[in-house]
Amino acid sequence: MKFCSWKFISALLMAMLMSSCILVETTVRVNKDGSGSLEQKILMRDPGMGGSSRKSAFDENELRKNADAFGAGVTFKSARAATENKMLGYVALYDFQDISTLRIDPSLGGAILNDLDMFRSGQTEKELITFSFKPGKPAELIIHNPRGAEDELMVDDMSEIKADIDKEEEQEMMEMMQNLYQGMRFTLRVETAGKIKETNATFHQGSTVTLLDIDFDVMMKDTDNMKKMISLQNMTPQDMSRHLKEIPGLQYETRDRISVKFN
């Protein structure tokens, strides 16, 4: 059985099977006492998806329900309509008093969209990003990140995709995908209220740790990027982490335990 980072690969497959372009940007902000907020921006080219309507960019009642999926004690604070690059959606803000109660599905950048029942029944605690917090000077945030597992079926599926993109019409297919997925991006970041003093995170800058960043606009510029992505299926998390840096527009944290000390 081959090693396959299924959570990462499945997120890409889910995105590519969607019938509309979507942008998801999730930012978790943590204070020095462990409290904080979660901001989530979701934009879609088709405003009819995810429970939206052409009269409104979001349903506030649904966003309030989503607070429960993010964890006990997470509360909905506010939401506003947002537009960007001909995409329509919203920015929602949630508060929490204890980050250890927060849980996030890493697929699609943490988006819940409008399928809360599926989220609750289809995910186990081991498949969600969770957090631990140790107050002090410096304070320490521990991010528990579900990483790849052995999955023979997903490897077989990816082999079929590889066969498809090796055909003569590869360039034509890439041009079609560039148009279809223009503007699609999934980002999941954690920001600390103080300066990061020490961390083992693979991708970090300033007070920000990036757990996931998939920018389809950048990835689709070169057919070689897709081939490099397919090659990740046989790699260990350590090898995968090194090769990810060779794919522009793609950042994916492969560590299952990320320590972030800040003050």
Protein backbone atom coordinates (compact mmCIF):
# COMPACT_ATOMS: atom_id res chain seq x y z
CA MET A 1 0.00 0.00 0.00
CA LYS A 2 1.37 3.41 -0.95
CA PHE A 3 1.44 6.48 1.22
CA CYS A 4 -0.96 9.20 0.13
CA SER A 5 -1.64 12.55 1.82
CA TRP A 6 -5.35 12.05 1.31
CA LYS A 7 -6.57 15.13 3.18
CA PHE A 8 -4.50 17.36 0.94
CA ILE A 9 -5.23 15.51 -2.30
CA SER A 10 -8.95 15.16 -1.52
CA ALA A 11 -9.20 18.91 -0.89
CA LEU A 12 -7.82 19.55 -4.36
CA LEU A 13 -10.16 17.02 -5.93
CA MET A 14 -13.18 18.46 -4.11
CA ALA A 15 -12.30 21.92 -5.36
CA MET A 16 -11.83 20.78 -8.96
CA LEU A 17 -15.19 18.96 -8.95
CA MET A 18 -17.11 22.03 -7.82
CA SER A 19 -19.40 23.56 -10.42
CA SER A 20 -18.48 27.12 -9.51
CA CYS A 21 -15.31 29.03 -8.73
CA ILE A 22 -14.88 29.68 -5.01
CA LEU A 23 -12.46 31.55 -2.78
CA VAL A 24 -12.15 30.64 0.90
CA GLU A 25 -9.90 32.53 3.27
CA THR A 26 -9.99 31.48 6.93
CA THR A 27 -7.92 33.34 9.52
CA VAL A 28 -7.71 32.32 13.16
CA ARG A 29 -6.44 35.07 15.45
CA VAL A 30 -5.31 34.09 18.96
CA ASN A 31 -4.62 36.40 21.88
CA LYS A 32 -2.06 35.91 24.64
CA ASP A 33 -4.75 34.54 26.99
CA GLY A 34 -6.03 31.93 24.49
CA SER A 35 -9.12 33.83 23.41
CA GLY A 36 -9.51 35.10 19.89
CA SER A 37 -11.53 35.21 16.73
CA LEU A 38 -12.07 33.40 13.45
CA GLU A 39 -12.64 35.38 10.29
CA GLN A 40 -13.85 33.61 7.18
CA LYS A 41 -14.22 35.11 3.73
CA ILE A 42 -16.13 33.07 1.17
CA LEU A 43 -16.64 34.35 -2.36
CA MET A 44 -18.32 32.57 -5.26
CA ARG A 45 -18.69 33.31 -8.92
CA ASP A 46 -22.20 31.84 -8.79
CA PRO A 47 -24.07 33.53 -5.89
CA GLY A 48 -26.70 30.79 -5.93
CA MET A 49 -24.39 28.24 -4.30
CA GLY A 50 -23.97 27.55 -0.60
CA GLY A 51 -27.38 28.80 0.43
CA SER A 52 -26.92 32.29 -1.03
CA SER A 53 -29.43 34.00 -3.25
CA ARG A 54 -29.14 36.69 -5.87
CA LYS A 55 -30.78 39.08 -3.42
CA SER A 56 -28.29 38.46 -0.62
CA ALA A 57 -24.68 37.38 -0.46
CA PHE A 58 -25.26 35.33 2.70
CA ASP A 59 -27.83 33.92 5.11
CA GLU A 60 -27.07 35.19 8.60
CA ASN A 61 -29.13 32.43 10.22
CA GLU A 62 -26.97 29.80 8.56
CA LEU A 63 -23.80 31.57 9.63
CA ARG A 64 -25.04 31.58 13.22
CA LYS A 65 -25.57 27.81 13.00
CA ASN A 66 -22.06 27.35 11.67
CA ALA A 67 -20.68 28.67 14.97
CA ASP A 68 -21.64 25.34 16.59
CA ALA A 69 -19.62 23.42 13.99
CA PHE A 70 -16.54 25.46 14.82
CA GLY A 71 -16.72 24.29 18.42
CA ALA A 72 -18.41 24.72 21.79
CA GLY A 73 -18.28 28.31 22.96
CA VAL A 74 -17.70 29.74 19.48
CA THR A 75 -20.18 32.56 18.83
CA PHE A 76 -21.21 34.41 15.71
CA LYS A 77 -20.33 38.11 15.91
CA SER A 78 -21.01 39.73 12.55
CA ALA A 79 -21.09 39.35 8.77
CA ARG A 80 -20.88 41.68 5.82
CA ALA A 81 -21.24 41.34 2.08
CA ALA A 82 -18.04 41.31 0.04
CA THR A 83 -17.12 41.47 -3.64
CA GLU A 84 -13.75 40.82 -5.25
CA ASN A 85 -12.66 40.11 -8.83
CA LYS A 86 -16.26 39.68 -10.03
CA MET A 87 -16.97 37.26 -7.18
CA LEU A 88 -19.73 37.75 -4.62
CA GLY A 89 -19.87 36.55 -1.05
CA TYR A 90 -19.34 37.54 2.56
CA VAL A 91 -16.92 37.94 5.43
CA ALA A 92 -18.09 36.36 8.70
CA LEU A 93 -16.53 36.91 12.11
CA TYR A 94 -16.73 34.51 15.06
CA ASP A 95 -15.39 34.87 18.61
CA PHE A 96 -14.11 32.27 21.07
CA GLN A 97 -12.93 32.53 24.67
CA ASP A 98 -10.76 29.41 24.59
CA ILE A 99 -9.00 28.31 21.40
CA SER A 100 -8.81 24.74 22.70
CA THR A 101 -12.54 24.44 21.93
CA LEU A 102 -12.05 25.46 18.29
CA ARG A 103 -12.07 22.83 15.53
CA ILE A 104 -11.68 23.32 11.81
CA ASP A 105 -12.11 21.03 8.84
CA PRO A 106 -8.95 21.62 6.76
CA SER A 107 -10.67 20.63 3.51
CA LEU A 108 -11.42 23.64 1.30
CA GLY A 109 -9.73 26.04 3.71
CA GLY A 110 -12.10 25.35 6.58
CA ALA A 111 -15.27 26.24 4.68
CA ILE A 112 -18.52 24.78 5.99
CA LEU A 113 -20.68 26.38 3.29
CA ASN A 114 -24.30 25.36 3.84
CA ASP A 115 -24.00 21.68 4.72
CA LEU A 116 -23.73 21.65 8.49
CA ASP A 117 -25.37 18.22 8.89
CA MET A 118 -22.82 16.60 6.58
CA PHE A 119 -20.01 18.34 8.45
CA ARG A 120 -21.20 17.02 11.79
CA SER A 121 -21.88 13.44 10.70
CA GLY A 122 -19.00 12.99 8.25
CA GLN A 123 -16.06 14.24 10.31
CA THR A 124 -14.34 12.70 13.31
CA GLU A 125 -12.20 14.58 15.79
CA LYS A 126 -9.05 13.01 14.30
CA GLU A 127 -9.85 14.57 10.90
CA LEU A 128 -10.21 18.10 12.26
CA ILE A 129 -7.61 20.72 13.13
CA THR A 130 -7.70 21.28 16.89
CA PHE A 131 -5.70 23.46 19.26
CA SER A 132 -4.07 23.40 22.69
CA PHE A 133 -2.90 26.48 24.54
CA LYS A 134 -0.37 27.08 27.31
CA PRO A 135 -0.42 30.60 28.79
CA GLY A 136 2.83 32.21 29.86
CA LYS A 137 5.71 34.34 28.68
CA PRO A 138 5.94 33.24 26.00
CA ALA A 139 2.53 31.70 25.45
CA GLU A 140 2.50 28.50 23.42
CA LEU A 141 -0.12 27.50 20.87
CA ILE A 142 -0.15 23.86 19.76
CA ILE A 143 -1.89 23.14 16.46
CA HIS A 144 -2.95 19.51 16.03
CA ASN A 145 -3.03 19.00 12.29
CA PRO A 146 -4.49 15.82 10.74
CA ARG A 147 -2.04 14.76 8.09
CA GLY A 148 -2.02 12.14 5.31
CA ALA A 149 -2.84 8.50 5.86
CA GLU A 150 -2.45 5.37 3.80
CA ASP A 151 -5.23 5.20 1.28
CA GLU A 152 -4.86 2.81 -1.62
CA LEU A 153 -8.11 3.88 -3.24
CA MET A 154 -7.08 7.52 -3.47
CA VAL A 155 -3.75 6.53 -5.00
CA ASP A 156 -5.58 4.56 -7.68
CA ASP A 157 -7.83 7.53 -8.39
CA MET A 158 -4.84 9.86 -8.75
CA SER A 159 -3.17 7.39 -11.13
CA GLU A 160 -6.17 7.70 -13.43
CA ILE A 161 -5.89 11.48 -13.34
CA LYS A 162 -2.21 11.24 -14.19
CA ALA A 163 -3.04 9.12 -17.23
CA ASP A 164 -5.55 11.71 -18.36
CA ILE A 165 -3.22 14.70 -18.17
CA ASP A 166 -0.53 12.85 -20.13
CA LYS A 167 -2.62 12.91 -23.31
CA GLU A 168 -1.83 15.10 -26.34
CA GLU A 169 -4.63 17.53 -25.51
CA GLU A 170 -2.91 18.41 -22.22
CA GLN A 171 -2.39 22.07 -23.12
CA GLU A 172 -5.98 22.49 -24.28
CA MET A 173 -7.22 20.98 -21.04
CA MET A 174 -5.03 23.30 -18.99
CA GLU A 175 -6.36 26.36 -20.81
CA MET A 176 -9.89 25.22 -20.08
CA MET A 177 -9.05 24.68 -16.41
CA GLN A 178 -7.41 28.11 -16.17
CA ASN A 179 -10.67 29.72 -17.27
CA LEU A 180 -12.85 27.46 -15.12
CA TYR A 181 -10.87 27.89 -11.91
CA GLN A 182 -9.86 31.53 -12.33
CA GLY A 183 -9.81 33.17 -8.91
CA MET A 184 -10.18 29.90 -6.99
CA ARG A 185 -8.13 29.84 -3.81
CA PHE A 186 -8.21 28.17 -0.39
CA THR A 187 -6.27 29.66 2.51
CA LEU A 188 -6.10 28.71 6.18
CA ARG A 189 -3.87 30.78 8.47
CA VAL A 190 -3.27 31.38 12.17
CA GLU A 191 -2.21 34.82 13.44
CA THR A 192 -0.83 35.49 16.92
CA ALA A 193 -1.44 38.70 18.85
CA GLY A 194 2.26 38.89 19.71
CA LYS A 195 5.53 38.32 17.91
CA ILE A 196 6.35 34.68 17.16
CA LYS A 197 9.43 33.76 19.19
CA GLU A 198 9.79 30.13 18.12
CA THR A 199 7.91 27.73 15.84
CA ASN A 200 8.43 24.53 13.87
CA ALA A 201 5.83 25.56 11.27
CA THR A 202 6.94 25.02 7.68
CA PHE A 203 5.36 28.23 6.41
CA HIS A 204 5.46 31.29 8.67
CA GLN A 205 6.17 34.98 8.34
CA GLY A 206 5.87 37.71 10.94
CA SER A 207 3.04 36.71 13.27
CA THR A 208 1.34 34.44 10.71
CA VAL A 209 1.48 30.66 10.29
CA THR A 210 0.06 29.26 7.06
CA LEU A 211 -1.48 25.79 7.25
CA LEU A 212 -2.94 25.73 3.76
CA ASP A 213 -2.74 27.96 0.70
CA ILE A 214 -3.84 26.64 -2.69
CA ASP A 215 -3.84 29.36 -5.37
CA PHE A 216 -5.22 27.88 -8.58
CA ASP A 217 -4.36 30.97 -10.66
CA VAL A 218 -0.67 30.43 -9.94
CA MET A 219 -0.76 26.63 -10.13
CA MET A 220 -2.54 26.55 -13.49
CA LYS A 221 0.04 28.72 -15.25
CA ASP A 222 2.27 25.71 -15.92
CA THR A 223 1.25 22.14 -16.77
CA ASP A 224 4.35 20.90 -14.95
CA ASN A 225 2.85 22.09 -11.68
CA MET A 226 -0.02 19.60 -12.01
CA LYS A 227 2.45 16.79 -12.72
CA LYS A 228 4.46 17.74 -9.66
CA MET A 229 1.28 17.72 -7.59
CA ILE A 230 0.38 14.22 -8.76
CA SER A 231 3.87 12.98 -7.82
CA LEU A 232 3.19 13.87 -4.17
CA GLN A 233 0.94 10.82 -3.77
CA ASN A 234 3.81 8.40 -3.12
CA MET A 235 5.76 10.58 -0.70
CA THR A 236 6.16 10.56 3.05
CA PRO A 237 5.15 13.78 4.86
CA GLN A 238 8.84 14.72 5.15
CA ASP A 239 9.55 14.30 1.42
CA MET A 240 6.24 15.93 0.55
CA SER A 241 7.12 18.99 2.63
CA ARG A 242 10.34 19.50 0.67
CA HIS A 243 8.74 19.03 -2.76
CA LEU A 244 5.82 21.35 -2.01
CA LYS A 245 8.23 24.27 -2.19
CA GLU A 246 8.80 23.42 -5.86
CA ILE A 247 5.14 24.04 -6.75
CA PRO A 248 4.26 27.75 -7.03
CA GLY A 249 0.93 28.67 -5.50
CA LEU A 250 0.84 25.69 -3.16
CA GLN A 251 1.55 25.61 0.58
CA TYR A 252 0.43 22.69 2.74
CA GLU A 253 1.57 21.99 6.28
CA THR A 254 2.50 18.31 6.64
CA ARG A 255 3.48 18.36 10.32
CA ASP A 256 0.87 16.84 12.61
CA ARG A 257 1.93 18.96 15.61
CA ILE A 258 2.89 22.59 15.17
CA SER A 259 4.22 24.58 18.12
CA VAL A 260 3.98 28.37 18.06
CA LYS A 261 5.51 30.33 20.93
CA PHE A 262 4.75 34.05 21.02
CA ASN A 263 4.83 37.01 23.38
